[in-house]
Structure formats: structure tokens, C-alpha cells
Amino acid sequence: MRFPFPVDHAVPLYLAPMAGVSESPFRRLCHRYGADVVVTEFLSAEGIRRENPATVAKLRFAPDERPIGVQIFGSEPDAMGDAARLVTDVFQPDFIDINFGCPVKKVVRRNGGSGCLKDLDLVQQIIRAVVAGTSLPVTVKIRSGWSEEMRDPVAIALRCQDAGARALALHPRTRTQMYTGSARWGEIAAVKAALEIPVIGNGDIKTADDALRMHRETGCDAIMIARGSFGQPWIFDQVRDVLAGRPMRPAPGVASRFAVALEHARMVEAYEVDPEGAAIEFRKHLGWYVKGLPNSSELRRKLHLVGSFAEVEGIFADYLADYERHVETARLAEVAASSARSSAAMESVQA
């Protein structure tokens, strides 16, 4: 399936737009580790058209982030068209993406994001206004519907295509589901069968094998990875390996993982204007990078207290210097947990 902007692979890998996560430093890092396409975190059309400084600052991107899409949200077609026009004229990304998927209450309360899915006529009006406001390709990201009663991803997708969308990403949950339950990948397959434009599959991809399984089960034209990229930007290279049928490169060892986290931290420090605030905001990334390491609870506790990027390197160095102790602590904890489970099972049988 032909994409409306240049991509390097037959099945492109997308970094999903995620508020507070898919900022420029992380987008650049994911591109380096194999993401073909990145998208900004979703930005308010009203904030863009009013040239709100905080919103406009998030429109910045570096040349090595291309191809990149700017994702906008809102419920007023005129505002969405104006925002698309400004983004196109001033920033010139590779495409404009419309968010019809965000389930967050403060967004849907104003009928933005997935709130638009309650009114498919409005969805089409918004798409047409954005198409009219830009010379760039317009793509959309949707959920399967507002609620179970209104769940009809094929009908929604066809309306989007008819209004001028050039590609469509589906997260097959409803808004009322939020992130609970399982993503219904079968709905991605149904949308793929119904549409003539590229369909991007999204939802419940935590590993490279998940991505391979989604592609095989749905036939999607591209794969969008969201939370599966947290703390492991190398997942894109791993997905590319399994899609190509070659052995999957292993995840980096502990020292190499820390090196990636430190590189990410330095990129954020150089990008943000408030180093202290950026360091505090970066704590969530640090927690993701160390998830699953031996005795990681102690490490996370220290990292969640950092007030500057300079502290992070010392904490990592201390952990590596005492790595064998952490491994032994984790082993003993697992032995104790296993023993407790065995005792509980024995008591259950006896009862």
C-alpha cells in the first residue's frame, strides 16, 4: 500500500503520538533505533491558532525526525483548518494527523479526541476543513467508537476515507474502555479489508513478537508502537528484524541500557529550557529504563528523587558497581516468593 509520504520500508514502523512522551528527544532516539515515522504529541488547534507559546514550542522538530507528522485535536472545523494552515506554512512537517482517539476526560469534555466519534458528520467536517487548510497529506487516528453501543470501526474508517484522509491508524478499543481489556486486532483486519488507503495497526504491542503477530493477523500496512517503546526504543529495530525473518537482536545489557538512558537524558537537557523541571519530568523515563532489572525497586526509588540530570549518572554508576549484590538480592527474593507460593498452594490443597 502506497503511503502519502516517503517511507523506507514496505511495512513502516510508527512511534505513536503520546502526550508527555513523544517529545522531540524521544522521537529522535526512536528514529535512530528503527522507527520509520514519528508523530508529535497531540496539540490543541486552539492553542496553535492563538500561537500559545507552550503549544508552539512543541511544534519544533529536528531534520533527523523526518518523516514526521504533527497531530492536532479539536472539535471546531474552522479552528482545525486554521491550525493546519499555520503548521503547514511555518513548520512544514511531512503530514498532518488528526486525533480522534484520545480518551482523556479533559479532552473529550470539549468533544475533542475520541469525543468527536459521537458525531461522524463532525468527524468528516473536521477532516475536510484540515484538508482544505493544508497542502500536506492528512491522516487520522481513531478508536473503534465512543462506546460499545457505538462501536463500528469500519463505518468510522470509511467516513474518514471519504472525507479525504490519506491513511488511518486504528486503536481497536472504544473510548469508554480507555486502556482496559484487550485491543481487538480483528477490527484492524476488518478496516484493512474495507479501505483503499493504508491502515496502521495500534494497540497492545509490548514486544517484537506482538508486532509480528499483529501484522500476520491483520495484514495492516504499518505498525504503530506506543507504550511498548517506553524504556526500550530499540524495540523498533527488533520488530524490523522479526518482520524481515532474521534473528532478533537482543535487548542491550544493563550498562548499555544505562548508556541509552543517559544519552536520552542529555538530549532532553539540551532541548528543554527548564533543566530542573525537565529532570523531574524525565523521572518517568528513568523508571521505564530500569524496569525489570535485579532489585530495581531500590534503584527506582533513588531515580524518582532526582532533581537534576547530573545525579542520574552517579546513581547508575553505583548500581553497576554493586551489580552482583543486586542480582543476589533479586534471587533471594524470588526464592522466598516461590516458597510462599508453594506453601499457599499446599495449604489450599489441604483445605
Protein backbone atom coordinates (compact mmCIF):
# COMPACT_ATOMS: atom_id res chain seq x y z
CA MET A 1 0.00 0.00 0.00
CA ARG A 2 1.41 3.37 -1.02
CA PHE A 3 1.87 5.91 1.76
CA PRO A 4 1.30 9.61 1.05
CA PHE A 5 4.86 10.48 2.09
CA PRO A 6 8.20 8.69 1.56
CA VAL A 7 8.95 5.72 3.84
CA ASP A 8 11.93 3.37 3.80
CA HIS A 9 10.16 0.04 4.29
CA ALA A 10 7.16 -1.77 2.87
CA VAL A 11 5.74 -2.02 6.41
CA PRO A 12 6.66 1.23 8.19
CA LEU A 13 7.02 1.33 11.95
CA TYR A 14 5.45 4.33 13.69
CA LEU A 15 6.17 5.84 17.08
CA ALA A 16 2.71 6.70 18.37
CA PRO A 17 1.83 10.23 19.41
CA MET A 18 1.80 10.26 23.23
CA ALA A 19 1.36 13.30 25.45
CA GLY A 20 4.42 13.93 27.59
CA VAL A 21 6.37 11.11 25.95
CA SER A 22 6.75 11.53 22.19
CA GLU A 23 8.67 14.78 22.51
CA SER A 24 11.49 15.68 20.16
CA PRO A 25 14.36 13.95 22.03
CA PHE A 26 12.47 10.66 22.28
CA ARG A 27 11.32 10.89 18.66
CA ARG A 28 14.93 11.36 17.53
CA LEU A 29 16.08 8.44 19.65
CA CYS A 30 13.37 6.15 18.29
CA HIS A 31 14.23 7.14 14.71
CA ARG A 32 17.81 6.15 15.43
CA TYR A 33 16.61 2.77 16.70
CA GLY A 34 14.50 1.97 13.67
CA ALA A 35 11.24 3.93 13.80
CA ASP A 36 10.32 4.88 10.23
CA VAL A 37 7.74 7.54 11.11
CA VAL A 38 7.19 9.65 14.21
CA VAL A 39 4.29 11.88 15.26
CA THR A 40 4.25 14.76 17.73
CA GLU A 41 2.28 14.56 20.92
CA PHE A 42 -1.26 15.79 20.25
CA LEU A 43 -1.59 19.59 20.19
CA SER A 44 -4.64 21.79 20.60
CA ALA A 45 -5.86 23.51 17.44
CA GLU A 46 -6.95 26.46 19.53
CA GLY A 47 -3.50 26.68 21.12
CA ILE A 48 -1.89 26.63 17.68
CA ARG A 49 -4.16 29.22 16.04
CA ARG A 50 -3.75 31.55 19.06
CA GLU A 51 0.02 30.92 18.92
CA ASN A 52 0.18 29.87 22.56
CA PRO A 53 3.94 29.80 23.36
CA ALA A 54 3.85 26.44 25.15
CA THR A 55 1.93 24.83 22.28
CA VAL A 56 4.06 26.36 19.54
CA ALA A 57 7.23 25.22 21.34
CA LYS A 58 6.05 21.62 20.97
CA LEU A 59 5.85 22.05 17.21
CA ARG A 60 9.64 22.25 16.94
CA PHE A 61 11.37 19.27 15.38
CA ALA A 62 14.83 18.47 14.05
CA PRO A 63 15.71 17.43 10.48
CA ASP A 64 16.60 13.91 11.66
CA GLU A 65 13.00 13.39 12.83
CA ARG A 66 11.60 13.20 9.29
CA PRO A 67 9.27 11.80 8.20
CA ILE A 68 7.24 13.43 10.98
CA GLY A 69 3.59 14.27 11.38
CA VAL A 70 2.09 16.97 13.57
CA GLN A 71 -1.00 15.72 15.36
CA ILE A 72 -3.75 18.22 16.16
CA PHE A 73 -7.03 17.89 18.02
CA GLY A 74 -10.18 19.94 18.42
CA SER A 75 -13.90 19.93 17.74
CA GLU A 76 -14.24 23.14 15.70
CA PRO A 77 -13.65 22.58 11.97
CA ASP A 78 -12.62 26.21 11.36
CA ALA A 79 -10.07 26.12 14.18
CA MET A 80 -8.68 22.81 12.93
CA GLY A 81 -8.34 24.21 9.41
CA ASP A 82 -6.58 27.33 10.71
CA ALA A 83 -4.22 25.23 12.81
CA ALA A 84 -3.36 23.03 9.84
CA ARG A 85 -2.67 26.13 7.75
CA LEU A 86 -0.30 27.62 10.34
CA VAL A 87 1.54 24.34 10.92
CA THR A 88 1.98 23.87 7.18
CA ASP A 89 3.16 27.41 6.49
CA VAL A 90 5.54 27.74 9.44
CA PHE A 91 6.78 24.25 10.29
CA GLN A 92 6.32 22.14 7.12
CA PRO A 93 6.09 18.63 8.60
CA ASP A 94 5.56 15.68 6.27
CA PHE A 95 1.88 15.27 7.13
CA ILE A 96 -0.89 16.49 9.43
CA ASP A 97 -2.53 13.91 11.66
CA ILE A 98 -5.94 14.38 13.31
CA ASN A 99 -6.54 12.90 16.75
CA PHE A 100 -9.92 11.21 17.04
CA GLY A 101 -8.62 8.71 19.57
CA CYS A 102 -7.58 10.42 22.82
CA PRO A 103 -9.82 9.15 25.65
CA VAL A 104 -8.69 11.65 28.33
CA LYS A 105 -11.60 13.35 30.09
CA LYS A 106 -10.35 16.94 29.79
CA VAL A 107 -10.09 16.47 26.00
CA VAL A 108 -13.37 14.64 25.34
CA ARG A 109 -15.23 17.02 27.65
CA ARG A 110 -14.81 19.59 24.86
CA ASN A 111 -15.70 16.94 22.22
CA GLY A 112 -12.05 16.66 21.15
CA GLY A 113 -10.16 13.43 20.55
CA SER A 114 -12.43 10.39 20.73
CA GLY A 115 -15.30 12.68 21.77
CA CYS A 116 -15.73 13.50 18.08
CA LEU A 117 -16.67 9.87 17.42
CA LYS A 118 -20.13 10.56 18.86
CA ASP A 119 -20.84 12.63 15.73
CA LEU A 120 -19.45 11.21 12.47
CA ASP A 121 -20.76 14.17 10.49
CA LEU A 122 -18.50 16.35 12.66
CA VAL A 123 -15.60 13.97 12.05
CA GLN A 124 -15.99 14.46 8.32
CA GLN A 125 -16.35 18.23 8.63
CA ILE A 126 -13.10 18.39 10.61
CA ILE A 127 -11.20 16.24 8.11
CA ARG A 128 -12.45 18.31 5.18
CA ALA A 129 -11.51 21.57 6.94
CA VAL A 130 -7.99 20.30 7.63
CA VAL A 131 -7.60 19.02 4.05
CA ALA A 132 -8.68 22.44 2.78
CA GLY A 133 -6.20 24.17 5.09
CA THR A 134 -3.06 22.32 4.05
CA SER A 135 -1.17 21.13 1.01
CA LEU A 136 0.21 18.25 3.09
CA PRO A 137 -1.28 14.76 3.34
CA VAL A 138 -3.87 14.44 6.10
CA THR A 139 -4.05 11.25 8.17
CA VAL A 140 -6.22 10.29 11.14
CA LYS A 141 -6.02 8.21 14.29
CA ILE A 142 -9.26 6.74 15.61
CA ARG A 143 -10.65 4.35 18.18
CA SER A 144 -13.31 1.77 17.39
CA GLY A 145 -16.09 4.03 18.64
CA TRP A 146 -17.22 6.09 21.58
CA SER A 147 -18.86 3.18 23.42
CA GLU A 148 -19.78 -0.46 22.89
CA GLU A 149 -23.19 0.66 21.62
CA MET A 150 -21.50 2.92 19.04
CA ARG A 151 -18.67 0.54 18.19
CA ASP A 152 -18.30 0.41 14.40
CA PRO A 153 -14.68 0.98 13.31
CA VAL A 154 -15.33 0.10 9.66
CA ALA A 155 -18.10 2.70 9.34
CA ILE A 156 -15.95 5.32 11.06
CA ALA A 157 -12.95 4.49 8.89
CA LEU A 158 -14.96 4.67 5.67
CA ARG A 159 -16.31 8.08 6.66
CA CYS A 160 -12.74 9.25 7.31
CA GLN A 161 -11.55 7.94 3.94
CA ASP A 162 -14.47 9.55 2.12
CA ALA A 163 -13.67 12.91 3.76
CA GLY A 164 -10.10 12.88 2.45
CA ALA A 165 -7.92 11.01 4.97
CA ARG A 166 -4.86 9.54 3.19
CA ALA A 167 -4.00 6.96 5.90
CA LEU A 168 -5.74 5.76 9.05
CA ALA A 169 -4.46 4.39 12.36
CA LEU A 170 -6.84 2.31 14.46
CA HIS A 171 -6.55 1.59 18.16
CA PRO A 172 -9.27 -1.07 18.46
CA ARG A 173 -10.72 -0.09 21.81
CA THR A 174 -13.65 2.24 22.47
CA ARG A 175 -13.27 5.45 24.41
CA THR A 176 -15.20 4.04 27.35
CA GLN A 177 -12.73 1.13 27.52
CA MET A 178 -9.85 3.58 27.97
CA TYR A 179 -6.89 1.14 28.16
CA THR A 180 -8.69 -1.78 29.80
CA GLY A 181 -9.39 -5.15 28.22
CA SER A 182 -7.66 -6.30 25.07
CA ALA A 183 -7.32 -4.48 21.77
CA ARG A 184 -9.48 -6.30 19.19
CA TRP A 185 -6.99 -6.79 16.41
CA GLY A 186 -9.70 -8.40 14.28
CA GLU A 187 -11.17 -4.93 13.87
CA ILE A 188 -7.90 -3.76 12.31
CA ALA A 189 -8.20 -6.61 9.81
CA ALA A 190 -11.81 -5.61 9.02
CA VAL A 191 -10.85 -1.97 8.47
CA LYS A 192 -7.91 -3.04 6.30
CA ALA A 193 -10.27 -5.11 4.14
CA ALA A 194 -12.70 -2.21 3.75
CA LEU A 195 -10.34 0.70 2.99
CA GLU A 196 -8.32 1.70 -0.06
CA ILE A 197 -5.87 3.83 1.98
CA PRO A 198 -3.07 2.50 4.23
CA VAL A 199 -4.21 1.17 7.61
CA ILE A 200 -1.90 1.42 10.61
CA GLY A 201 -2.41 -1.08 13.42
CA ASN A 202 -2.05 0.09 17.03
CA GLY A 203 -2.71 -1.42 20.44
CA ASP A 204 -1.19 -3.95 22.86
CA ILE A 205 2.25 -4.16 21.24
CA LYS A 206 4.73 -4.71 24.05
CA THR A 207 7.28 -6.89 22.26
CA ALA A 208 8.58 -7.51 18.76
CA ASP A 209 6.67 -10.79 18.66
CA ASP A 210 3.44 -8.89 19.39
CA ALA A 211 4.11 -6.66 16.38
CA LEU A 212 4.79 -9.65 14.13
CA ARG A 213 1.61 -11.34 15.31
CA MET A 214 -0.45 -8.20 14.69
CA HIS A 215 0.88 -7.92 11.16
CA ARG A 216 0.18 -11.57 10.39
CA GLU A 217 -3.32 -11.49 11.91
CA THR A 218 -4.48 -8.19 10.43
CA GLY A 219 -2.48 -7.56 7.26
CA CYS A 220 -2.05 -3.96 8.43
CA ASP A 221 0.07 -1.72 6.20
CA ALA A 222 2.07 -0.26 9.10
CA ILE A 223 2.54 -0.86 12.81
CA MET A 224 2.27 1.86 15.44
CA ILE A 225 4.01 1.26 18.77
CA ALA A 226 3.03 3.27 21.83
CA ARG A 227 3.67 2.08 25.40
CA GLY A 228 5.81 -0.79 24.11
CA SER A 229 8.50 1.80 23.37
CA PHE A 230 8.70 3.04 26.96
CA GLY A 231 12.22 2.45 28.21
CA GLN A 232 13.10 0.37 25.16
CA PRO A 233 13.40 2.47 21.99
CA TRP A 234 15.34 -0.44 20.45
CA ILE A 235 12.03 -2.30 20.07
CA PHE A 236 11.76 -0.81 16.57
CA ASP A 237 14.99 -2.49 15.43
CA GLN A 238 13.79 -5.74 17.00
CA VAL A 239 10.45 -5.52 15.18
CA ARG A 240 12.25 -4.85 11.90
CA ASP A 241 14.33 -7.99 12.48
CA VAL A 242 11.34 -10.28 13.05
CA LEU A 243 9.39 -8.78 10.14
CA ALA A 244 12.39 -9.46 7.90
CA GLY A 245 12.62 -13.06 9.16
CA ARG A 246 16.10 -12.68 10.62
CA PRO A 247 17.27 -13.37 14.19
CA MET A 248 16.14 -10.64 16.53
CA ARG A 249 18.94 -8.60 18.04
CA PRO A 250 18.91 -8.86 21.84
CA ALA A 251 17.98 -6.01 24.14
CA PRO A 252 21.02 -4.10 25.41
CA GLY A 253 22.75 -5.28 28.57
CA VAL A 254 22.43 -3.27 31.78
CA ALA A 255 25.40 -0.98 31.14
CA SER A 256 24.32 -0.35 27.55
CA ARG A 257 20.74 0.30 28.66
CA PHE A 258 22.01 2.89 31.11
CA ALA A 259 24.08 4.47 28.33
CA VAL A 260 20.94 4.85 26.19
CA ALA A 261 19.05 6.36 29.13
CA LEU A 262 21.89 8.83 29.76
CA GLU A 263 22.01 9.79 26.09
CA HIS A 264 18.26 10.36 26.18
CA ALA A 265 18.67 12.48 29.32
CA ARG A 266 21.37 14.64 27.71
CA MET A 267 19.18 15.18 24.65
CA VAL A 268 16.32 16.32 26.88
CA GLU A 269 18.62 18.59 28.85
CA ALA A 270 19.81 20.26 25.64
CA TYR A 271 16.27 20.59 24.28
CA GLU A 272 14.34 21.93 27.28
CA VAL A 273 14.61 25.49 28.58
CA ASP A 274 14.00 24.50 32.24
CA PRO A 275 16.65 21.91 33.20
CA GLU A 276 15.29 21.25 36.69
CA GLY A 277 11.70 20.84 35.52
CA ALA A 278 12.89 18.66 32.65
CA ALA A 279 14.85 16.42 35.03
CA ILE A 280 11.81 15.96 37.26
CA GLU A 281 9.62 15.20 34.23
CA PHE A 282 12.25 12.74 32.97
CA ARG A 283 11.90 10.57 36.09
CA LYS A 284 9.15 8.55 34.39
CA HIS A 285 11.53 7.63 31.56
CA LEU A 286 14.16 6.56 34.09
CA GLY A 287 11.63 4.29 35.77
CA TRP A 288 10.85 2.67 32.42
CA TYR A 289 14.52 2.18 31.51
CA VAL A 290 15.24 0.25 34.73
CA LYS A 291 12.04 -1.80 34.81
CA GLY A 292 12.74 -5.49 35.31
CA LEU A 293 16.36 -5.11 36.46
CA PRO A 294 17.53 -7.03 39.53
CA ASN A 295 16.49 -5.22 42.73
CA SER A 296 15.08 -2.42 40.60
CA SER A 297 12.75 -1.14 43.34
CA GLU A 298 15.69 0.37 45.23
CA LEU A 299 17.05 1.85 42.00
CA ARG A 300 13.68 3.34 41.01
CA ARG A 301 13.29 4.89 44.47
CA LYS A 302 16.57 6.77 44.03
CA LEU A 303 15.83 7.81 40.46
CA HIS A 304 12.38 9.12 41.34
CA LEU A 305 14.02 11.61 43.71
CA VAL A 306 16.47 13.17 41.24
CA GLY A 307 16.31 16.92 40.79
CA SER A 308 18.98 17.25 38.13
CA PHE A 309 20.34 15.22 35.25
CA ALA A 310 23.80 15.20 36.85
CA GLU A 311 22.53 12.93 39.64
CA VAL A 312 21.44 10.18 37.24
CA GLU A 313 24.92 9.17 36.08
CA GLY A 314 26.11 8.70 39.67
CA ILE A 315 23.12 6.56 40.59
CA PHE A 316 23.69 4.34 37.56
CA ALA A 317 27.41 4.05 38.34
CA ASP A 318 26.67 3.00 41.93
CA TYR A 319 24.19 0.37 40.75
CA LEU A 320 26.66 -1.12 38.27
CA ALA A 321 29.45 -1.17 40.87
CA ASP A 322 27.23 -3.21 43.18
CA TYR A 323 25.52 -5.24 40.46
CA GLU A 324 26.30 -8.69 41.88
CA ARG A 325 24.64 -7.76 45.18
CA HIS A 326 21.53 -6.65 43.33
CA VAL A 327 21.41 -9.92 41.41
CA GLU A 328 21.74 -11.92 44.65
CA THR A 329 19.08 -9.81 46.39
CA ALA A 330 16.70 -10.42 43.49
CA ARG A 331 17.48 -14.16 43.53
CA LEU A 332 16.78 -14.47 47.25
CA ALA A 333 13.53 -12.51 46.86
CA GLU A 334 12.38 -14.85 44.11
CA VAL A 335 13.27 -17.93 46.23
CA ALA A 336 11.24 -16.52 49.12
CA ALA A 337 8.32 -15.70 46.84
CA SER A 338 8.41 -19.16 45.29
CA SER A 339 8.46 -20.77 48.73
CA ALA A 340 5.49 -18.66 49.81
CA ARG A 341 3.55 -19.66 46.70
CA SER A 342 4.30 -23.34 47.33
CA SER A 343 3.16 -23.05 50.95
CA ALA A 344 -0.04 -21.30 49.90
CA ALA A 345 -0.75 -23.99 47.30
CA MET A 346 -0.16 -26.77 49.88
CA GLU A 347 -2.49 -25.10 52.37
CA SER A 348 -5.14 -24.78 49.66
CA VAL A 349 -4.89 -28.48 48.82
CA GLN A 350 -5.10 -29.47 52.48
CA ALA A 351 -8.12 -27.24 52.99
